Amino acid sequence: MGNAGSRGANGRRRRNSRRSHPPPPPPPQPEIRANGYVFAATPYRSRFPHGPSYYQYPGYYSTPPPPPRPRAMPAPYVLHQKAVTIRNDVNLKKETLKIEPDEKNPGKYLVAFTFDATVSGSLTVIFFGKEGEDCLLTPMKESLLLPITVEFQQGLSQKFRQPSGTGIDLSIFDEAESSIDADADVYPLAVKLEAIPGKESVPEDENAVSGSTNSQLTLAVFEKDKGEYNVRVVKQILWVNGMRYELQEIYGIGDSIDNEFDGNDPGKECVICLAEPRDTTVLPCRHMCMCSGCAKVLRIQTNRCPICRQPVERLLEI
């Protein structure tokens, strides 16, 4: 009995020792706070399905990339040419062309000017002249005023004055100009100098022009200012070896060519490098302001004249 009771007690103890207890509860997890970057890797679904995708960062906004800048256009190409030397046997100094009163015939005026000639030739004064092919002048009002032709010999700074008694009445020009078409290219005053190399005198036929004859045309108009008439040269034309050339003034060429270049003399050096002499002209504004080296750089970088800022079409190296 005692043993049985003891086994019973021991059995209870064994049963109690083998009884499984429930697992202890897990330790409390720390509280998870809202993470500001929990969705950092989640792409933001755009309302525009075909547009670029951007990522949503709370508190951060990414601006779209700036549009690409337009490509800078290269400077227009400027043609660089070298001047060709042309022998001009005759030259009327246009600043000397004027009209003078005829002392022996009041109310009449005489044409006067100064010219250079390296060979002998002839000059012709034509009133209301029109330029034709091969630099031929045609008088359009020959019935009013006849052309005047005079021979000349070789010489520099020769003076010409219309013979007394052949003067012009300027009131005729006011009346005649109203009957001439403005688009007809008729000039009230035209002077033609012809040089004939190898001949001591001009041919009897003044209209006969040799193939080797060089000539110069000076076309002018009369302008009335405060009751007085003045002569203004419109253009000068050279006819050399069958080619027509129109003379143009070059601004600044006198300072660069008349005398030898002196580095200490201001006004003769290139306006860009301020070291080399000027030898290149900008066209069509005709500013001679650069050396050839700076001109080659200018035509690549810009097409503006450094003096007047007008567009450059050509560069002429003299």
C-alpha atoms as a PDB file:
ATOM      1  CA  MET A   1       0.000   0.000   0.000  1.00  0.00           C
ATOM      2  CA  GLY A   2       2.765   2.334   0.947  1.00  0.00           C
ATOM      3  CA  ASN A   3       4.598   1.602  -2.242  1.00  0.00           C
ATOM      4  CA  ALA A   4       1.532   2.121  -4.265  1.00  0.00           C
ATOM      5  CA  GLY A   5       0.909   5.394  -2.639  1.00  0.00           C
ATOM      6  CA  SER A   6       4.422   6.412  -3.201  1.00  0.00           C
ATOM      7  CA  ARG A   7       4.260   5.483  -6.878  1.00  0.00           C
ATOM      8  CA  GLY A   8       1.159   7.453  -7.119  1.00  0.00           C
ATOM      9  CA  ALA A   9       2.826  10.440  -5.711  1.00  0.00           C
ATOM     10  CA  ASN A  10       5.853   9.905  -7.841  1.00  0.00           C
ATOM     11  CA  GLY A  11       3.643   9.406 -10.805  1.00  0.00           C
ATOM     12  CA  ARG A  12       1.942  12.681 -10.190  1.00  0.00           C
ATOM     13  CA  ARG A  13       5.247  14.353  -9.900  1.00  0.00           C
ATOM     14  CA  ARG A  14       6.419  12.744 -13.122  1.00  0.00           C
ATOM     15  CA  ARG A  15       3.282  13.739 -14.866  1.00  0.00           C
ATOM     16  CA  ASN A  16       3.631  17.225 -13.538  1.00  0.00           C
ATOM     17  CA  SER A  17       7.261  17.409 -14.683  1.00  0.00           C
ATOM     18  CA  ARG A  18       6.422  16.220 -18.170  1.00  0.00           C
ATOM     19  CA  ARG A  19       3.498  18.636 -18.641  1.00  0.00           C
ATOM     20  CA  SER A  20       4.322  21.120 -21.472  1.00  0.00           C
ATOM     21  CA  HIS A  21       3.850  24.720 -20.716  1.00  0.00           C
ATOM     22  CA  PRO A  22       2.677  27.184 -23.366  1.00  0.00           C
ATOM     23  CA  PRO A  23       5.519  29.103 -25.032  1.00  0.00           C
ATOM     24  CA  PRO A  24       6.194  32.437 -23.536  1.00  0.00           C
ATOM     25  CA  PRO A  25       4.726  35.328 -25.436  1.00  0.00           C
ATOM     26  CA  PRO A  26       7.105  37.029 -27.872  1.00  0.00           C
ATOM     27  CA  PRO A  27       8.769  40.110 -26.606  1.00  0.00           C
ATOM     28  CA  PRO A  28       6.987  43.292 -27.506  1.00  0.00           C
ATOM     29  CA  GLN A  29       8.139  44.681 -30.833  1.00  0.00           C
ATOM     30  CA  PRO A  30       9.157  48.301 -30.938  1.00  0.00           C
ATOM     31  CA  GLU A  31       6.617  50.593 -32.474  1.00  0.00           C
ATOM     32  CA  ILE A  32       7.227  51.180 -36.171  1.00  0.00           C
ATOM     33  CA  ARG A  33       6.873  54.811 -36.934  1.00  0.00           C
ATOM     34  CA  ALA A  34       6.026  56.194 -40.331  1.00  0.00           C
ATOM     35  CA  ASN A  35       9.150  56.180 -42.448  1.00  0.00           C
ATOM     36  CA  GLY A  36       9.447  59.258 -44.606  1.00  0.00           C
ATOM     37  CA  TYR A  37      11.296  57.249 -47.217  1.00  0.00           C
ATOM     38  CA  VAL A  38       9.281  54.055 -47.220  1.00  0.00           C
ATOM     39  CA  PHE A  39       8.072  54.724 -50.749  1.00  0.00           C
ATOM     40  CA  ALA A  40      11.326  56.102 -51.997  1.00  0.00           C
ATOM     41  CA  ALA A  41      11.827  53.264 -54.468  1.00  0.00           C
ATOM     42  CA  THR A  42       8.243  53.221 -55.675  1.00  0.00           C
ATOM     43  CA  PRO A  43       7.846  55.064 -58.978  1.00  0.00           C
ATOM     44  CA  TYR A  44       5.158  57.679 -59.144  1.00  0.00           C
ATOM     45  CA  ARG A  45       2.570  56.780 -61.719  1.00  0.00           C
ATOM     46  CA  SER A  46       2.331  59.671 -64.102  1.00  0.00           C
ATOM     47  CA  ARG A  47      -0.917  60.897 -65.509  1.00  0.00           C
ATOM     48  CA  PHE A  48       0.818  61.044 -68.833  1.00  0.00           C
ATOM     49  CA  PRO A  49       1.694  57.482 -69.773  1.00  0.00           C
ATOM     50  CA  HIS A  50       4.050  58.479 -72.563  1.00  0.00           C
ATOM     51  CA  GLY A  51       5.864  61.190 -70.661  1.00  0.00           C
ATOM     52  CA  PRO A  52       9.101  60.824 -68.699  1.00  0.00           C
ATOM     53  CA  SER A  53       8.877  59.050 -65.307  1.00  0.00           C
ATOM     54  CA  TYR A  54       9.734  60.966 -62.166  1.00  0.00           C
ATOM     55  CA  TYR A  55      10.094  59.625 -58.612  1.00  0.00           C
ATOM     56  CA  GLN A  56       8.045  60.950 -55.745  1.00  0.00           C
ATOM     57  CA  TYR A  57      10.040  62.019 -52.714  1.00  0.00           C
ATOM     58  CA  PRO A  58       8.002  63.558 -49.900  1.00  0.00           C
ATOM     59  CA  GLY A  59       9.530  66.925 -49.194  1.00  0.00           C
ATOM     60  CA  TYR A  60      11.632  66.898 -52.382  1.00  0.00           C
ATOM     61  CA  TYR A  61      10.570  68.034 -55.853  1.00  0.00           C
ATOM     62  CA  SER A  62      12.716  67.395 -58.895  1.00  0.00           C
ATOM     63  CA  THR A  63      12.335  70.019 -61.621  1.00  0.00           C
ATOM     64  CA  PRO A  64      12.347  68.756 -65.201  1.00  0.00           C
ATOM     65  CA  PRO A  65      15.581  69.235 -67.148  1.00  0.00           C
ATOM     66  CA  PRO A  66      15.835  72.544 -69.045  1.00  0.00           C
ATOM     67  CA  PRO A  67      15.156  72.455 -72.790  1.00  0.00           C
ATOM     68  CA  PRO A  68      18.270  72.163 -74.938  1.00  0.00           C
ATOM     69  CA  ARG A  69      19.730  75.439 -76.102  1.00  0.00           C
ATOM     70  CA  PRO A  70      19.491  76.178 -79.808  1.00  0.00           C
ATOM     71  CA  ARG A  71      22.716  75.522 -81.626  1.00  0.00           C
ATOM     72  CA  ALA A  72      24.601  78.715 -82.383  1.00  0.00           C
ATOM     73  CA  MET A  73      24.616  79.439 -86.093  1.00  0.00           C
ATOM     74  CA  PRO A  74      28.063  79.911 -87.621  1.00  0.00           C
ATOM     75  CA  ALA A  75      28.943  83.336 -88.976  1.00  0.00           C
ATOM     76  CA  PRO A  76      28.097  83.731 -92.671  1.00  0.00           C
ATOM     77  CA  TYR A  77      31.029  83.110 -94.965  1.00  0.00           C
ATOM     78  CA  VAL A  78      32.690  86.300 -96.216  1.00  0.00           C
ATOM     79  CA  LEU A  79      34.590  86.253 -99.486  1.00  0.00           C
ATOM     80  CA  HIS A  80      38.205  87.443 -99.241  1.00  0.00           C
ATOM     81  CA  GLN A  81      39.612  88.838-102.489  1.00  0.00           C
ATOM     82  CA  LYS A  82      42.822  90.522-103.560  1.00  0.00           C
ATOM     83  CA  ALA A  83      42.755  93.735-105.554  1.00  0.00           C
ATOM     84  CA  VAL A  84      43.788  93.705-109.198  1.00  0.00           C
ATOM     85  CA  THR A  85      45.902  96.604-110.424  1.00  0.00           C
ATOM     86  CA  ILE A  86      44.476  98.368-113.491  1.00  0.00           C
ATOM     87  CA  ARG A  87      46.440 100.915-115.469  1.00  0.00           C
ATOM     88  CA  ASN A  88      44.378 104.069-115.862  1.00  0.00           C
ATOM     89  CA  ASP A  89      45.878 106.385-118.479  1.00  0.00           C
ATOM     90  CA  VAL A  90      43.458 109.255-117.850  1.00  0.00           C
ATOM     91  CA  ASN A  91      41.762 110.518-114.719  1.00  0.00           C
ATOM     92  CA  LEU A  92      39.443 113.439-114.060  1.00  0.00           C
ATOM     93  CA  LYS A  93      39.772 114.699-110.487  1.00  0.00           C
ATOM     94  CA  LYS A  94      36.124 114.777-109.597  1.00  0.00           C
ATOM     95  CA  GLU A  95      36.511 117.250-106.746  1.00  0.00           C
ATOM     96  CA  THR A  96      37.670 119.858-109.311  1.00  0.00           C
ATOM     97  CA  LEU A  97      34.639 119.537-111.615  1.00  0.00           C
ATOM     98  CA  LYS A  98      32.657 122.791-111.468  1.00  0.00           C
ATOM     99  CA  ILE A  99      30.967 125.507-113.505  1.00  0.00           C
ATOM    100  CA  GLU A 100      32.264 129.071-113.731  1.00  0.00           C
ATOM    101  CA  PRO A 101      30.527 132.195-115.059  1.00  0.00           C
ATOM    102  CA  ASP A 102      31.576 133.367-118.525  1.00  0.00           C
ATOM    103  CA  GLU A 103      32.825 136.926-118.020  1.00  0.00           C
ATOM    104  CA  LYS A 104      32.296 137.807-121.683  1.00  0.00           C
ATOM    105  CA  ASN A 105      28.771 136.391-121.790  1.00  0.00           C
ATOM    106  CA  PRO A 106      26.716 137.206-118.691  1.00  0.00           C
ATOM    107  CA  GLY A 107      24.229 134.522-117.755  1.00  0.00           C
ATOM    108  CA  LYS A 108      26.350 131.789-119.326  1.00  0.00           C
ATOM    109  CA  TYR A 109      28.448 129.228-117.472  1.00  0.00           C
ATOM    110  CA  LEU A 110      31.535 127.255-118.473  1.00  0.00           C
ATOM    111  CA  VAL A 111      32.535 123.748-117.391  1.00  0.00           C
ATOM    112  CA  ALA A 112      36.015 123.475-115.829  1.00  0.00           C
ATOM    113  CA  PHE A 113      38.066 120.687-114.232  1.00  0.00           C
ATOM    114  CA  THR A 114      41.576 119.271-113.719  1.00  0.00           C
ATOM    115  CA  PHE A 115      42.767 115.959-115.129  1.00  0.00           C
ATOM    116  CA  ASP A 116      45.840 113.737-115.520  1.00  0.00           C
ATOM    117  CA  ALA A 117      46.946 111.953-118.681  1.00  0.00           C
ATOM    118  CA  THR A 118      49.920 109.651-119.151  1.00  0.00           C
ATOM    119  CA  VAL A 119      49.299 109.524-122.920  1.00  0.00           C
ATOM    120  CA  SER A 120      47.716 111.830-125.460  1.00  0.00           C
ATOM    121  CA  GLY A 121      44.019 111.654-126.240  1.00  0.00           C
ATOM    122  CA  SER A 122      40.810 113.671-126.332  1.00  0.00           C
ATOM    123  CA  LEU A 123      38.054 114.788-124.000  1.00  0.00           C
ATOM    124  CA  THR A 124      34.395 115.321-124.762  1.00  0.00           C
ATOM    125  CA  VAL A 125      31.858 117.302-122.729  1.00  0.00           C
ATOM    126  CA  ILE A 126      28.301 116.119-123.337  1.00  0.00           C
ATOM    127  CA  PHE A 127      25.114 117.629-121.938  1.00  0.00           C
ATOM    128  CA  PHE A 128      22.196 115.308-121.206  1.00  0.00           C
ATOM    129  CA  GLY A 129      24.298 112.266-121.966  1.00  0.00           C
ATOM    130  CA  LYS A 130      23.210 108.659-121.642  1.00  0.00           C
ATOM    131  CA  GLU A 131      25.623 105.775-121.197  1.00  0.00           C
ATOM    132  CA  GLY A 132      25.312 102.965-123.699  1.00  0.00           C
ATOM    133  CA  GLU A 133      27.165  99.759-124.449  1.00  0.00           C
ATOM    134  CA  ASP A 134      30.959  99.798-124.337  1.00  0.00           C
ATOM    135  CA  CYS A 135      30.826 103.087-122.376  1.00  0.00           C
ATOM    136  CA  LEU A 136      29.581 105.072-125.351  1.00  0.00           C
ATOM    137  CA  LEU A 137      27.847 108.366-124.504  1.00  0.00           C
ATOM    138  CA  THR A 138      24.829 109.484-126.496  1.00  0.00           C
ATOM    139  CA  PRO A 139      23.622 113.124-126.276  1.00  0.00           C
ATOM    140  CA  MET A 140      19.849 113.126-125.716  1.00  0.00           C
ATOM    141  CA  LYS A 141      19.372 116.900-126.235  1.00  0.00           C
ATOM    142  CA  GLU A 142      21.890 117.569-128.984  1.00  0.00           C
ATOM    143  CA  SER A 143      19.580 120.135-130.560  1.00  0.00           C
ATOM    144  CA  LEU A 144      19.879 122.303-127.430  1.00  0.00           C
ATOM    145  CA  LEU A 145      23.559 121.882-126.554  1.00  0.00           C
ATOM    146  CA  LEU A 146      26.206 120.426-128.830  1.00  0.00           C
ATOM    147  CA  PRO A 147      28.996 118.235-127.435  1.00  0.00           C
ATOM    148  CA  ILE A 148      32.418 119.862-127.070  1.00  0.00           C
ATOM    149  CA  THR A 149      35.550 117.861-128.004  1.00  0.00           C
ATOM    150  CA  VAL A 150      39.118 118.955-127.270  1.00  0.00           C
ATOM    151  CA  GLU A 151      42.418 117.142-127.847  1.00  0.00           C
ATOM    152  CA  PHE A 152      45.073 116.943-125.147  1.00  0.00           C
ATOM    153  CA  GLN A 153      48.678 115.822-124.794  1.00  0.00           C
ATOM    154  CA  GLN A 154      50.427 113.851-122.101  1.00  0.00           C
ATOM    155  CA  GLY A 155      50.678 115.675-118.780  1.00  0.00           C
ATOM    156  CA  LEU A 156      49.616 115.800-115.146  1.00  0.00           C
ATOM    157  CA  SER A 157      47.284 118.333-113.486  1.00  0.00           C
ATOM    158  CA  GLN A 158      46.111 119.762-116.799  1.00  0.00           C
ATOM    159  CA  LYS A 159      43.428 122.441-116.631  1.00  0.00           C
ATOM    160  CA  PHE A 160      40.392 122.417-118.860  1.00  0.00           C
ATOM    161  CA  ARG A 161      37.931 125.269-119.227  1.00  0.00           C
ATOM    162  CA  GLN A 162      35.145 125.341-121.739  1.00  0.00           C
ATOM    163  CA  PRO A 163      35.883 127.924-124.474  1.00  0.00           C
ATOM    164  CA  SER A 164      34.232 131.301-123.949  1.00  0.00           C
ATOM    165  CA  GLY A 165      31.159 131.760-126.071  1.00  0.00           C
ATOM    166  CA  THR A 166      30.119 128.130-125.792  1.00  0.00           C
ATOM    167  CA  GLY A 167      28.734 128.464-122.279  1.00  0.00           C
ATOM    168  CA  ILE A 168      25.452 127.011-121.102  1.00  0.00           C
ATOM    169  CA  ASP A 169      22.291 128.626-119.809  1.00  0.00           C
ATOM    170  CA  LEU A 170      21.357 126.682-116.687  1.00  0.00           C
ATOM    171  CA  SER A 171      17.683 127.546-117.062  1.00  0.00           C
ATOM    172  CA  ILE A 172      17.638 125.128-120.000  1.00  0.00           C
ATOM    173  CA  PHE A 173      18.339 122.255-117.620  1.00  0.00           C
ATOM    174  CA  ASP A 174      15.338 123.078-115.447  1.00  0.00           C
ATOM    175  CA  GLU A 175      13.059 122.926-118.490  1.00  0.00           C
ATOM    176  CA  ALA A 176      14.679 119.892-120.127  1.00  0.00           C
ATOM    177  CA  GLU A 177      14.817 117.730-117.011  1.00  0.00           C
ATOM    178  CA  SER A 178      11.029 117.845-116.706  1.00  0.00           C
ATOM    179  CA  SER A 179      10.715 116.187-120.143  1.00  0.00           C
ATOM    180  CA  ILE A 180      13.230 113.374-119.455  1.00  0.00           C
ATOM    181  CA  ASP A 181      12.194 110.057-117.973  1.00  0.00           C
ATOM    182  CA  ALA A 182      13.699 109.683-114.512  1.00  0.00           C
ATOM    183  CA  ASP A 183      14.495 106.013-115.238  1.00  0.00           C
ATOM    184  CA  ALA A 184      16.342 106.766-118.479  1.00  0.00           C
ATOM    185  CA  ASP A 185      19.739 107.243-116.735  1.00  0.00           C
ATOM    186  CA  VAL A 186      20.312 110.550-118.484  1.00  0.00           C
ATOM    187  CA  TYR A 187      22.853 112.838-116.805  1.00  0.00           C
ATOM    188  CA  PRO A 188      22.832 116.628-117.295  1.00  0.00           C
ATOM    189  CA  LEU A 189      26.638 116.675-117.487  1.00  0.00           C
ATOM    190  CA  ALA A 190      28.973 113.938-118.718  1.00  0.00           C
ATOM    191  CA  VAL A 191      32.695 114.134-119.435  1.00  0.00           C
ATOM    192  CA  LYS A 192      34.555 111.456-121.366  1.00  0.00           C
ATOM    193  CA  LEU A 193      38.343 111.230-121.399  1.00  0.00           C
ATOM    194  CA  GLU A 194      39.859 108.946-124.023  1.00  0.00           C
ATOM    195  CA  ALA A 195      43.487 107.850-124.074  1.00  0.00           C
ATOM    196  CA  ILE A 196      44.995 106.407-127.236  1.00  0.00           C
ATOM    197  CA  PRO A 197      48.444 104.946-126.481  1.00  0.00           C
ATOM    198  CA  GLY A 198      51.024 105.052-129.261  1.00  0.00           C
ATOM    199  CA  LYS A 199      49.359 107.897-131.139  1.00  0.00           C
ATOM    200  CA  GLU A 200      50.314 111.528-131.050  1.00  0.00           C
ATOM    201  CA  SER A 201      46.849 112.659-132.076  1.00  0.00           C
ATOM    202  CA  VAL A 202      43.338 111.317-131.965  1.00  0.00           C
ATOM    203  CA  PRO A 203      41.596 110.088-135.118  1.00  0.00           C
ATOM    204  CA  GLU A 204      39.501 112.492-137.141  1.00  0.00           C
ATOM    205  CA  ASP A 205      36.391 110.404-136.578  1.00  0.00           C
ATOM    206  CA  GLU A 206      35.647 111.048-132.927  1.00  0.00           C
ATOM    207  CA  ASN A 207      33.206 108.137-132.850  1.00  0.00           C
ATOM    208  CA  ALA A 208      35.871 105.646-133.964  1.00  0.00           C
ATOM    209  CA  VAL A 209      37.099 103.788-130.919  1.00  0.00           C
ATOM    210  CA  SER A 210      40.114 101.507-131.124  1.00  0.00           C
ATOM    211  CA  GLY A 211      40.050  98.167-129.340  1.00  0.00           C
ATOM    212  CA  SER A 212      43.030  99.255-127.214  1.00  0.00           C
ATOM    213  CA  THR A 213      41.496 102.611-126.255  1.00  0.00           C
ATOM    214  CA  ASN A 214      41.054 103.229-122.539  1.00  0.00           C
ATOM    215  CA  SER A 215      38.550 105.815-121.361  1.00  0.00           C
ATOM    216  CA  GLN A 216      36.932 107.295-118.285  1.00  0.00           C
ATOM    217  CA  LEU A 217      33.395 108.591-117.899  1.00  0.00           C
ATOM    218  CA  THR A 218      32.386 111.129-115.275  1.00  0.00           C
ATOM    219  CA  LEU A 219      28.619 111.493-114.830  1.00  0.00           C
ATOM    220  CA  ALA A 220      27.298 114.460-112.855  1.00  0.00           C
ATOM    221  CA  VAL A 221      24.186 116.454-112.030  1.00  0.00           C
ATOM    222  CA  PHE A 222      23.519 120.110-111.268  1.00  0.00           C
ATOM    223  CA  GLU A 223      22.191 120.999-107.831  1.00  0.00           C
ATOM    224  CA  LYS A 224      20.712 124.368-106.904  1.00  0.00           C
ATOM    225  CA  ASP A 225      21.456 125.671-103.411  1.00  0.00           C
ATOM    226  CA  LYS A 226      20.401 129.171-102.305  1.00  0.00           C
ATOM    227  CA  GLY A 227      20.059 130.330-105.876  1.00  0.00           C
ATOM    228  CA  GLU A 228      23.454 128.984-106.983  1.00  0.00           C
ATOM    229  CA  TYR A 229      24.212 125.918-109.080  1.00  0.00           C
ATOM    230  CA  ASN A 230      26.799 123.354-108.066  1.00  0.00           C
ATOM    231  CA  VAL A 231      28.080 120.198-109.739  1.00  0.00           C
ATOM    232  CA  ARG A 232      27.842 116.846-107.957  1.00  0.00           C
ATOM    233  CA  VAL A 233      29.560 113.795-109.423  1.00  0.00           C
ATOM    234  CA  VAL A 234      27.292 110.745-109.294  1.00  0.00           C
ATOM    235  CA  LYS A 235      29.773 108.126-110.513  1.00  0.00           C
ATOM    236  CA  GLN A 236      32.917 107.542-112.501  1.00  0.00           C
ATOM    237  CA  ILE A 237      33.422 104.611-114.853  1.00  0.00           C
ATOM    238  CA  LEU A 238      36.584 103.132-116.350  1.00  0.00           C
ATOM    239  CA  TRP A 239      36.674 101.286-119.655  1.00  0.00           C
ATOM    240  CA  VAL A 240      39.931  99.312-119.788  1.00  0.00           C
ATOM    241  CA  ASN A 241      40.702  96.554-122.292  1.00  0.00           C
ATOM    242  CA  GLY A 242      37.033  95.934-122.986  1.00  0.00           C
ATOM    243  CA  MET A 243      36.049  95.752-119.297  1.00  0.00           C
ATOM    244  CA  ARG A 244      33.841  98.194-117.410  1.00  0.00           C
ATOM    245  CA  TYR A 245      34.800  99.238-113.865  1.00  0.00           C
ATOM    246  CA  GLU A 246      32.935 101.627-111.581  1.00  0.00           C
ATOM    247  CA  LEU A 247      35.190 103.672-109.321  1.00  0.00           C
ATOM    248  CA  GLN A 248      34.456 103.686-105.591  1.00  0.00           C
ATOM    249  CA  GLU A 249      36.001 105.750-102.833  1.00  0.00           C
ATOM    250  CA  ILE A 250      37.764 103.883-100.022  1.00  0.00           C
ATOM    251  CA  TYR A 251      37.655 105.509 -96.595  1.00  0.00           C
ATOM    252  CA  GLY A 252      41.047 105.540 -94.908  1.00  0.00           C
ATOM    253  CA  ILE A 253      43.157 104.546 -97.896  1.00  0.00           C
ATOM    254  CA  GLY A 254      44.898 107.920 -97.992  1.00  0.00           C
ATOM    255  CA  ASP A 255      46.281 107.534 -94.474  1.00  0.00           C
ATOM    256  CA  SER A 256      47.606 104.052 -95.217  1.00  0.00           C
ATOM    257  CA  ILE A 257      49.081 104.387 -98.703  1.00  0.00           C
ATOM    258  CA  ASP A 258      50.167 107.994 -99.224  1.00  0.00           C
ATOM    259  CA  ASN A 259      53.108 107.645 -96.847  1.00  0.00           C
ATOM    260  CA  GLU A 260      55.165 104.776 -95.528  1.00  0.00           C
ATOM    261  CA  PHE A 261      53.768 103.049 -92.485  1.00  0.00           C
ATOM    262  CA  ASP A 262      55.081 104.312 -89.171  1.00  0.00           C
ATOM    263  CA  GLY A 263      54.175 102.323 -86.067  1.00  0.00           C
ATOM    264  CA  ASN A 264      54.203 105.522 -83.991  1.00  0.00           C
ATOM    265  CA  ASP A 265      51.741 107.336 -86.261  1.00  0.00           C
ATOM    266  CA  PRO A 266      48.165 106.784 -85.011  1.00  0.00           C
ATOM    267  CA  GLY A 267      45.424 106.271 -87.565  1.00  0.00           C
ATOM    268  CA  LYS A 268      47.338 104.022 -89.969  1.00  0.00           C
ATOM    269  CA  GLU A 269      47.371 100.763 -88.019  1.00  0.00           C
ATOM    270  CA  CYS A 270      44.783  97.996 -88.039  1.00  0.00           C
ATOM    271  CA  VAL A 271      41.873  98.822 -85.721  1.00  0.00           C
ATOM    272  CA  ILE A 272      41.855  95.245 -84.368  1.00  0.00           C
ATOM    273  CA  CYS A 273      45.476  94.354 -83.598  1.00  0.00           C
ATOM    274  CA  LEU A 274      46.751  97.980 -83.472  1.00  0.00           C
ATOM    275  CA  ALA A 275      50.085  96.786 -84.854  1.00  0.00           C
ATOM    276  CA  GLU A 276      49.996  96.034 -88.587  1.00  0.00           C
ATOM    277  CA  PRO A 277      49.254  98.582 -91.343  1.00  0.00           C
ATOM    278  CA  ARG A 278      45.813  98.675 -92.890  1.00  0.00           C
ATOM    279  CA  ASP A 279      45.603  96.907 -96.234  1.00  0.00           C
ATOM    280  CA  THR A 280      42.108  95.377 -96.374  1.00  0.00           C
ATOM    281  CA  THR A 281      38.850  97.106 -97.278  1.00  0.00           C
ATOM    282  CA  VAL A 282      35.382  96.051 -96.150  1.00  0.00           C
ATOM    283  CA  LEU A 283      32.701  96.016 -98.845  1.00  0.00           C
ATOM    284  CA  PRO A 284      30.151  97.435 -99.454  1.00  0.00           C
ATOM    285  CA  CYS A 285      30.772 100.105 -96.780  1.00  0.00           C
ATOM    286  CA  ARG A 286      34.356 100.633 -98.144  1.00  0.00           C
ATOM    287  CA  HIS A 287      36.111 101.074 -94.795  1.00  0.00           C
ATOM    288  CA  MET A 288      39.835 100.317 -95.073  1.00  0.00           C
ATOM    289  CA  CYS A 289      40.470  99.486 -91.426  1.00  0.00           C
ATOM    290  CA  MET A 290      42.200  96.095 -91.048  1.00  0.00           C
ATOM    291  CA  CYS A 291      45.317  94.168 -91.866  1.00  0.00           C
ATOM    292  CA  SER A 292      45.041  91.015 -93.954  1.00  0.00           C
ATOM    293  CA  GLY A 293      45.712  88.739 -90.955  1.00  0.00           C
ATOM    294  CA  CYS A 294      42.877  90.134 -88.845  1.00  0.00           C
ATOM    295  CA  ALA A 295      40.602  90.165 -91.882  1.00  0.00           C
ATOM    296  CA  LYS A 296      41.039  86.403 -92.313  1.00  0.00           C
ATOM    297  CA  VAL A 297      39.988  85.846 -88.697  1.00  0.00           C
ATOM    298  CA  LEU A 298      37.109  88.313 -88.947  1.00  0.00           C
ATOM    299  CA  ARG A 299      35.478  86.595 -91.910  1.00  0.00           C
ATOM    300  CA  ILE A 300      35.191  83.371 -89.872  1.00  0.00           C
ATOM    301  CA  GLN A 301      33.945  84.869 -86.593  1.00  0.00           C
ATOM    302  CA  THR A 302      31.560  87.603 -87.721  1.00  0.00           C
ATOM    303  CA  ASN A 303      30.170  89.367 -90.758  1.00  0.00           C
ATOM    304  CA  ARG A 304      30.048  92.904 -89.322  1.00  0.00           C
ATOM    305  CA  CYS A 305      32.334  95.804 -90.157  1.00  0.00           C
ATOM    306  CA  PRO A 306      34.352  96.813 -87.063  1.00  0.00           C
ATOM    307  CA  ILE A 307      33.774 100.496 -87.884  1.00  0.00           C
ATOM    308  CA  CYS A 308      30.104 100.876 -88.851  1.00  0.00           C
ATOM    309  CA  ARG A 309      28.753  97.381 -87.898  1.00  0.00           C
ATOM    310  CA  GLN A 310      27.115  96.958 -91.293  1.00  0.00           C
ATOM    311  CA  PRO A 311      26.999  93.468 -92.852  1.00  0.00           C
ATOM    312  CA  VAL A 312      30.138  92.520 -94.776  1.00  0.00           C
ATOM    313  CA  GLU A 313      29.791  91.010 -98.230  1.00  0.00           C
ATOM    314  CA  ARG A 314      33.428  90.959 -99.323  1.00  0.00           C
ATOM    315  CA  LEU A 315      36.909  91.779 -98.068  1.00  0.00           C
ATOM    316  CA  LEU A 316      39.281  93.388-100.561  1.00  0.00           C
ATOM    317  CA  GLU A 317      43.012  93.222 -99.875  1.00  0.00           C
ATOM    318  CA  ILE A 318      44.905  96.068-101.540  1.00  0.00           C
END
